[in-house]
Amino acid sequence: MSLKTKLIGAVATVLIIMGVFVYFRYFFTYEQRNVVRRQIDSITGQNLTITIFGWDGRIIKQWSGIKKVSSGKDLKYYTYFYTKDGKYVQIPASVWYIAEEK
């Protein structure tokens, strides 16, 4: 390859990289960023088992294959996650639970 071809290729690569950066930085909405983050998390997510215990120490409910556990801090604190079936589960802060990786 000639020097001119290499130079044009290098300039084109730099322009493409700058264009992608500008697009993701200024034209990618907050919601789109969250969707991409969730998709990455679902690929690299964990394999958690969530177990809810009663006050007496017995197991009340258990879910397995949970990818991510999040917490909300509105007026009341809570923990939430989605099951393998896509069902939303919300646990109040007053409940004892353990999230462990299997």
N, C-alpha and C. Protein backbone atom coordinates (compact mmCIF):
# COMPACT_ATOMS: atom_id res chain seq x y z
N MET A 1 0.84 -1.18 0.00
CA MET A 1 0.00 0.00 0.00
C MET A 1 0.88 1.24 0.00
N SER A 2 0.35 2.24 -0.63
CA SER A 2 1.12 3.48 -0.70
C SER A 2 0.89 4.31 0.56
N LEU A 3 1.74 5.27 0.74
CA LEU A 3 1.66 6.16 1.89
C LEU A 3 0.35 6.95 1.88
N LYS A 4 -0.10 7.33 0.70
CA LYS A 4 -1.34 8.08 0.57
C LYS A 4 -2.54 7.25 1.05
N THR A 5 -2.58 5.98 0.72
CA THR A 5 -3.67 5.09 1.13
C THR A 5 -3.66 4.88 2.65
N LYS A 6 -2.46 4.71 3.21
CA LYS A 6 -2.35 4.55 4.66
C LYS A 6 -2.80 5.81 5.38
N LEU A 7 -2.42 6.96 4.88
CA LEU A 7 -2.80 8.23 5.49
C LEU A 7 -4.31 8.45 5.43
N ILE A 8 -4.92 8.16 4.31
CA ILE A 8 -6.37 8.30 4.16
C ILE A 8 -7.09 7.33 5.11
N GLY A 9 -6.58 6.12 5.23
CA GLY A 9 -7.17 5.14 6.15
C GLY A 9 -7.06 5.59 7.60
N ALA A 10 -5.93 6.14 7.98
CA ALA A 10 -5.73 6.61 9.35
C ALA A 10 -6.65 7.78 9.65
N VAL A 11 -6.77 8.72 8.74
CA VAL A 11 -7.64 9.88 8.94
C VAL A 11 -9.10 9.43 9.02
N ALA A 12 -9.50 8.50 8.15
CA ALA A 12 -10.87 7.99 8.18
C ALA A 12 -11.16 7.28 9.51
N THR A 13 -10.21 6.51 10.01
CA THR A 13 -10.38 5.82 11.29
C THR A 13 -10.54 6.81 12.43
N VAL A 14 -9.71 7.84 12.45
CA VAL A 14 -9.80 8.87 13.50
C VAL A 14 -11.14 9.59 13.42
N LEU A 15 -11.59 9.92 12.22
CA LEU A 15 -12.88 10.60 12.06
C LEU A 15 -14.04 9.71 12.52
N ILE A 16 -13.99 8.44 12.22
CA ILE A 16 -15.04 7.52 12.65
C ILE A 16 -15.07 7.42 14.18
N ILE A 17 -13.90 7.29 14.79
CA ILE A 17 -13.83 7.20 16.24
C ILE A 17 -14.36 8.49 16.88
N MET A 18 -13.99 9.62 16.35
CA MET A 18 -14.48 10.90 16.88
C MET A 18 -15.99 11.02 16.69
N GLY A 19 -16.51 10.58 15.56
CA GLY A 19 -17.94 10.63 15.31
C GLY A 19 -18.72 9.74 16.27
N VAL A 20 -18.21 8.54 16.53
CA VAL A 20 -18.86 7.64 17.48
C VAL A 20 -18.83 8.25 18.88
N PHE A 21 -17.71 8.83 19.27
CA PHE A 21 -17.61 9.47 20.58
C PHE A 21 -18.61 10.61 20.72
N VAL A 22 -18.68 11.48 19.73
CA VAL A 22 -19.60 12.62 19.79
C VAL A 22 -21.04 12.13 19.84
N TYR A 23 -21.37 11.09 19.05
CA TYR A 23 -22.74 10.56 19.06
C TYR A 23 -23.10 10.03 20.44
N PHE A 24 -22.25 9.18 21.01
CA PHE A 24 -22.57 8.60 22.32
C PHE A 24 -22.52 9.65 23.44
N ARG A 25 -21.70 10.65 23.28
CA ARG A 25 -21.56 11.66 24.34
C ARG A 25 -22.71 12.67 24.33
N TYR A 26 -23.14 13.12 23.15
CA TYR A 26 -24.09 14.22 23.08
C TYR A 26 -25.47 13.86 22.52
N PHE A 27 -25.59 12.80 21.76
CA PHE A 27 -26.87 12.48 21.14
C PHE A 27 -27.49 11.20 21.67
N PHE A 28 -26.83 10.51 22.56
CA PHE A 28 -27.33 9.28 23.16
C PHE A 28 -28.06 9.67 24.44
N THR A 29 -29.36 9.45 24.51
CA THR A 29 -30.14 9.90 25.67
C THR A 29 -29.81 9.07 26.91
N TYR A 30 -30.22 9.60 28.04
CA TYR A 30 -29.99 8.92 29.31
C TYR A 30 -30.67 7.56 29.34
N GLU A 31 -31.88 7.48 28.80
CA GLU A 31 -32.60 6.22 28.76
C GLU A 31 -31.89 5.19 27.88
N GLN A 32 -31.38 5.63 26.74
CA GLN A 32 -30.64 4.72 25.85
C GLN A 32 -29.38 4.21 26.54
N ARG A 33 -28.69 5.06 27.29
CA ARG A 33 -27.51 4.62 28.02
C ARG A 33 -27.87 3.56 29.05
N ASN A 34 -28.99 3.77 29.76
CA ASN A 34 -29.42 2.78 30.75
C ASN A 34 -29.77 1.45 30.11
N VAL A 35 -30.40 1.49 28.94
CA VAL A 35 -30.74 0.24 28.24
C VAL A 35 -29.47 -0.50 27.86
N VAL A 36 -28.49 0.21 27.34
CA VAL A 36 -27.22 -0.43 26.95
C VAL A 36 -26.52 -0.99 28.19
N ARG A 37 -26.51 -0.25 29.28
CA ARG A 37 -25.89 -0.75 30.52
C ARG A 37 -26.58 -2.01 31.01
N ARG A 38 -27.93 -2.02 30.95
CA ARG A 38 -28.66 -3.22 31.38
C ARG A 38 -28.37 -4.40 30.48
N GLN A 39 -28.23 -4.15 29.18
CA GLN A 39 -27.90 -5.25 28.27
C GLN A 39 -26.51 -5.79 28.55
N ILE A 40 -25.56 -4.90 28.84
CA ILE A 40 -24.21 -5.35 29.18
C ILE A 40 -24.24 -6.11 30.50
N ASP A 41 -25.01 -5.59 31.47
CA ASP A 41 -25.13 -6.29 32.76
C ASP A 41 -25.75 -7.66 32.60
N SER A 42 -26.71 -7.78 31.68
CA SER A 42 -27.34 -9.09 31.51
C SER A 42 -26.38 -10.07 30.86
N ILE A 43 -25.44 -9.58 30.09
CA ILE A 43 -24.45 -10.47 29.49
C ILE A 43 -23.39 -10.85 30.52
N THR A 44 -22.96 -9.86 31.29
CA THR A 44 -21.90 -10.09 32.28
C THR A 44 -22.46 -10.28 33.68
N GLY A 45 -23.77 -10.45 33.79
CA GLY A 45 -24.42 -10.51 35.09
C GLY A 45 -24.03 -11.73 35.90
N GLN A 46 -24.45 -11.70 37.13
CA GLN A 46 -24.13 -12.77 38.05
C GLN A 46 -25.24 -13.81 38.04
N ASN A 47 -25.01 -14.90 38.72
CA ASN A 47 -26.01 -15.95 38.87
C ASN A 47 -26.32 -16.04 40.36
N LEU A 48 -27.21 -15.16 40.84
CA LEU A 48 -27.48 -15.06 42.27
C LEU A 48 -28.68 -15.90 42.67
N THR A 49 -28.67 -16.32 43.91
CA THR A 49 -29.83 -16.93 44.54
C THR A 49 -30.26 -16.01 45.67
N ILE A 50 -31.52 -15.57 45.64
CA ILE A 50 -32.07 -14.69 46.66
C ILE A 50 -32.95 -15.54 47.57
N THR A 51 -32.69 -15.45 48.86
CA THR A 51 -33.46 -16.20 49.85
C THR A 51 -34.03 -15.23 50.87
N ILE A 52 -35.34 -15.30 51.09
CA ILE A 52 -36.01 -14.46 52.08
C ILE A 52 -36.29 -15.31 53.31
N PHE A 53 -35.93 -14.77 54.46
CA PHE A 53 -36.10 -15.47 55.73
C PHE A 53 -37.18 -14.80 56.57
N GLY A 54 -37.87 -15.60 57.36
CA GLY A 54 -38.81 -15.08 58.34
C GLY A 54 -38.07 -14.68 59.60
N TRP A 55 -38.80 -14.07 60.54
CA TRP A 55 -38.17 -13.63 61.79
C TRP A 55 -37.66 -14.81 62.61
N ASP A 56 -38.24 -15.99 62.39
CA ASP A 56 -37.79 -17.18 63.13
C ASP A 56 -36.65 -17.91 62.43
N GLY A 57 -36.20 -17.41 61.28
CA GLY A 57 -35.06 -18.00 60.58
C GLY A 57 -35.42 -19.00 59.50
N ARG A 58 -36.69 -19.31 59.32
CA ARG A 58 -37.06 -20.27 58.29
C ARG A 58 -37.12 -19.58 56.93
N ILE A 59 -36.89 -20.36 55.89
CA ILE A 59 -36.91 -19.83 54.53
C ILE A 59 -38.37 -19.64 54.10
N ILE A 60 -38.69 -18.45 53.64
CA ILE A 60 -40.04 -18.15 53.18
C ILE A 60 -40.14 -18.30 51.66
N LYS A 61 -39.19 -17.74 50.93
CA LYS A 61 -39.21 -17.77 49.47
C LYS A 61 -37.79 -17.74 48.96
N GLN A 62 -37.56 -18.37 47.79
CA GLN A 62 -36.21 -18.40 47.22
C GLN A 62 -36.31 -18.32 45.70
N TRP A 63 -35.45 -17.51 45.11
CA TRP A 63 -35.36 -17.38 43.66
C TRP A 63 -33.92 -17.66 43.26
N SER A 64 -33.72 -18.26 42.11
CA SER A 64 -32.36 -18.51 41.62
C SER A 64 -32.23 -17.97 40.20
N GLY A 65 -31.00 -17.80 39.77
CA GLY A 65 -30.73 -17.29 38.42
C GLY A 65 -30.96 -15.80 38.28
N ILE A 66 -30.82 -15.04 39.36
CA ILE A 66 -31.02 -13.59 39.33
C ILE A 66 -29.73 -12.95 38.83
N LYS A 67 -29.87 -12.05 37.87
CA LYS A 67 -28.69 -11.42 37.26
C LYS A 67 -28.21 -10.19 38.03
N LYS A 68 -29.14 -9.42 38.58
CA LYS A 68 -28.75 -8.16 39.22
C LYS A 68 -29.78 -7.81 40.29
N VAL A 69 -29.30 -7.32 41.42
CA VAL A 69 -30.15 -6.84 42.50
C VAL A 69 -29.91 -5.35 42.66
N SER A 70 -30.99 -4.56 42.68
CA SER A 70 -30.88 -3.11 42.80
C SER A 70 -31.66 -2.65 44.01
N SER A 71 -31.42 -1.41 44.41
CA SER A 71 -32.17 -0.86 45.53
C SER A 71 -32.67 0.53 45.19
N GLY A 72 -33.87 0.84 45.68
CA GLY A 72 -34.47 2.14 45.47
C GLY A 72 -34.41 2.95 46.74
N LYS A 73 -34.30 4.25 46.59
CA LYS A 73 -34.20 5.11 47.77
C LYS A 73 -35.19 6.26 47.67
N ASP A 74 -36.44 5.91 47.37
CA ASP A 74 -37.48 6.93 47.35
C ASP A 74 -37.82 7.28 48.80
N LEU A 75 -39.07 7.34 49.11
CA LEU A 75 -39.46 7.63 50.49
C LEU A 75 -39.18 6.45 51.40
N LYS A 76 -39.28 5.26 50.87
CA LYS A 76 -39.01 4.05 51.65
C LYS A 76 -37.92 3.26 50.93
N TYR A 77 -37.06 2.64 51.70
CA TYR A 77 -36.00 1.85 51.12
C TYR A 77 -36.53 0.47 50.73
N TYR A 78 -36.08 -0.04 49.61
CA TYR A 78 -36.49 -1.35 49.15
C TYR A 78 -35.42 -1.91 48.22
N THR A 79 -35.52 -3.20 47.97
CA THR A 79 -34.63 -3.90 47.05
C THR A 79 -35.50 -4.54 45.98
N TYR A 80 -35.02 -4.54 44.74
CA TYR A 80 -35.81 -5.16 43.68
C TYR A 80 -34.91 -5.89 42.71
N PHE A 81 -35.52 -6.80 41.97
CA PHE A 81 -34.82 -7.57 40.95
C PHE A 81 -35.84 -8.18 40.01
N TYR A 82 -35.37 -8.73 38.92
CA TYR A 82 -36.22 -9.42 37.96
C TYR A 82 -35.85 -10.90 37.97
N THR A 83 -36.86 -11.76 37.95
CA THR A 83 -36.62 -13.20 37.95
C THR A 83 -36.22 -13.66 36.55
N LYS A 84 -35.92 -14.96 36.42
CA LYS A 84 -35.58 -15.52 35.11
C LYS A 84 -36.74 -15.36 34.13
N ASP A 85 -37.97 -15.37 34.66
CA ASP A 85 -39.16 -15.25 33.82
C ASP A 85 -39.50 -13.81 33.48
N GLY A 86 -38.71 -12.86 33.99
CA GLY A 86 -38.95 -11.44 33.73
C GLY A 86 -39.93 -10.80 34.69
N LYS A 87 -40.28 -11.49 35.78
CA LYS A 87 -41.20 -10.93 36.76
C LYS A 87 -40.44 -10.01 37.71
N TYR A 88 -41.08 -8.90 38.05
CA TYR A 88 -40.51 -7.90 38.95
C TYR A 88 -40.81 -8.30 40.39
N VAL A 89 -39.78 -8.31 41.25
CA VAL A 89 -39.94 -8.63 42.66
C VAL A 89 -39.36 -7.48 43.47
N GLN A 90 -40.15 -6.97 44.41
CA GLN A 90 -39.70 -5.87 45.27
C GLN A 90 -39.76 -6.34 46.72
N ILE A 91 -38.66 -6.16 47.43
CA ILE A 91 -38.55 -6.59 48.82
C ILE A 91 -38.39 -5.35 49.70
N PRO A 92 -39.25 -5.16 50.69
CA PRO A 92 -39.08 -4.00 51.59
C PRO A 92 -37.85 -4.16 52.47
N ALA A 93 -37.36 -3.06 52.98
CA ALA A 93 -36.14 -3.08 53.80
C ALA A 93 -36.34 -3.82 55.11
N SER A 94 -37.59 -4.01 55.53
CA SER A 94 -37.85 -4.67 56.80
C SER A 94 -37.73 -6.20 56.71
N VAL A 95 -37.51 -6.72 55.52
CA VAL A 95 -37.43 -8.18 55.32
C VAL A 95 -35.97 -8.60 55.28
N TRP A 96 -35.66 -9.72 55.92
CA TRP A 96 -34.30 -10.25 55.87
C TRP A 96 -34.14 -11.10 54.62
N TYR A 97 -33.05 -10.86 53.89
CA TYR A 97 -32.77 -11.68 52.72
C TYR A 97 -31.27 -11.82 52.55
N ILE A 98 -30.90 -12.84 51.81
CA ILE A 98 -29.49 -13.07 51.46
C ILE A 98 -29.41 -13.27 49.96
N ALA A 99 -28.47 -12.57 49.33
CA ALA A 99 -28.20 -12.75 47.91
C ALA A 99 -26.81 -13.38 47.80
N GLU A 100 -26.75 -14.62 47.33
CA GLU A 100 -25.48 -15.30 47.22
C GLU A 100 -25.27 -15.85 45.83
N GLU A 101 -24.02 -15.85 45.39
CA GLU A 101 -23.69 -16.33 44.07
C GLU A 101 -23.53 -17.83 44.10
N LYS A 102 -24.15 -18.48 43.15
CA LYS A 102 -24.06 -19.96 43.06
C LYS A 102 -23.14 -20.35 41.93
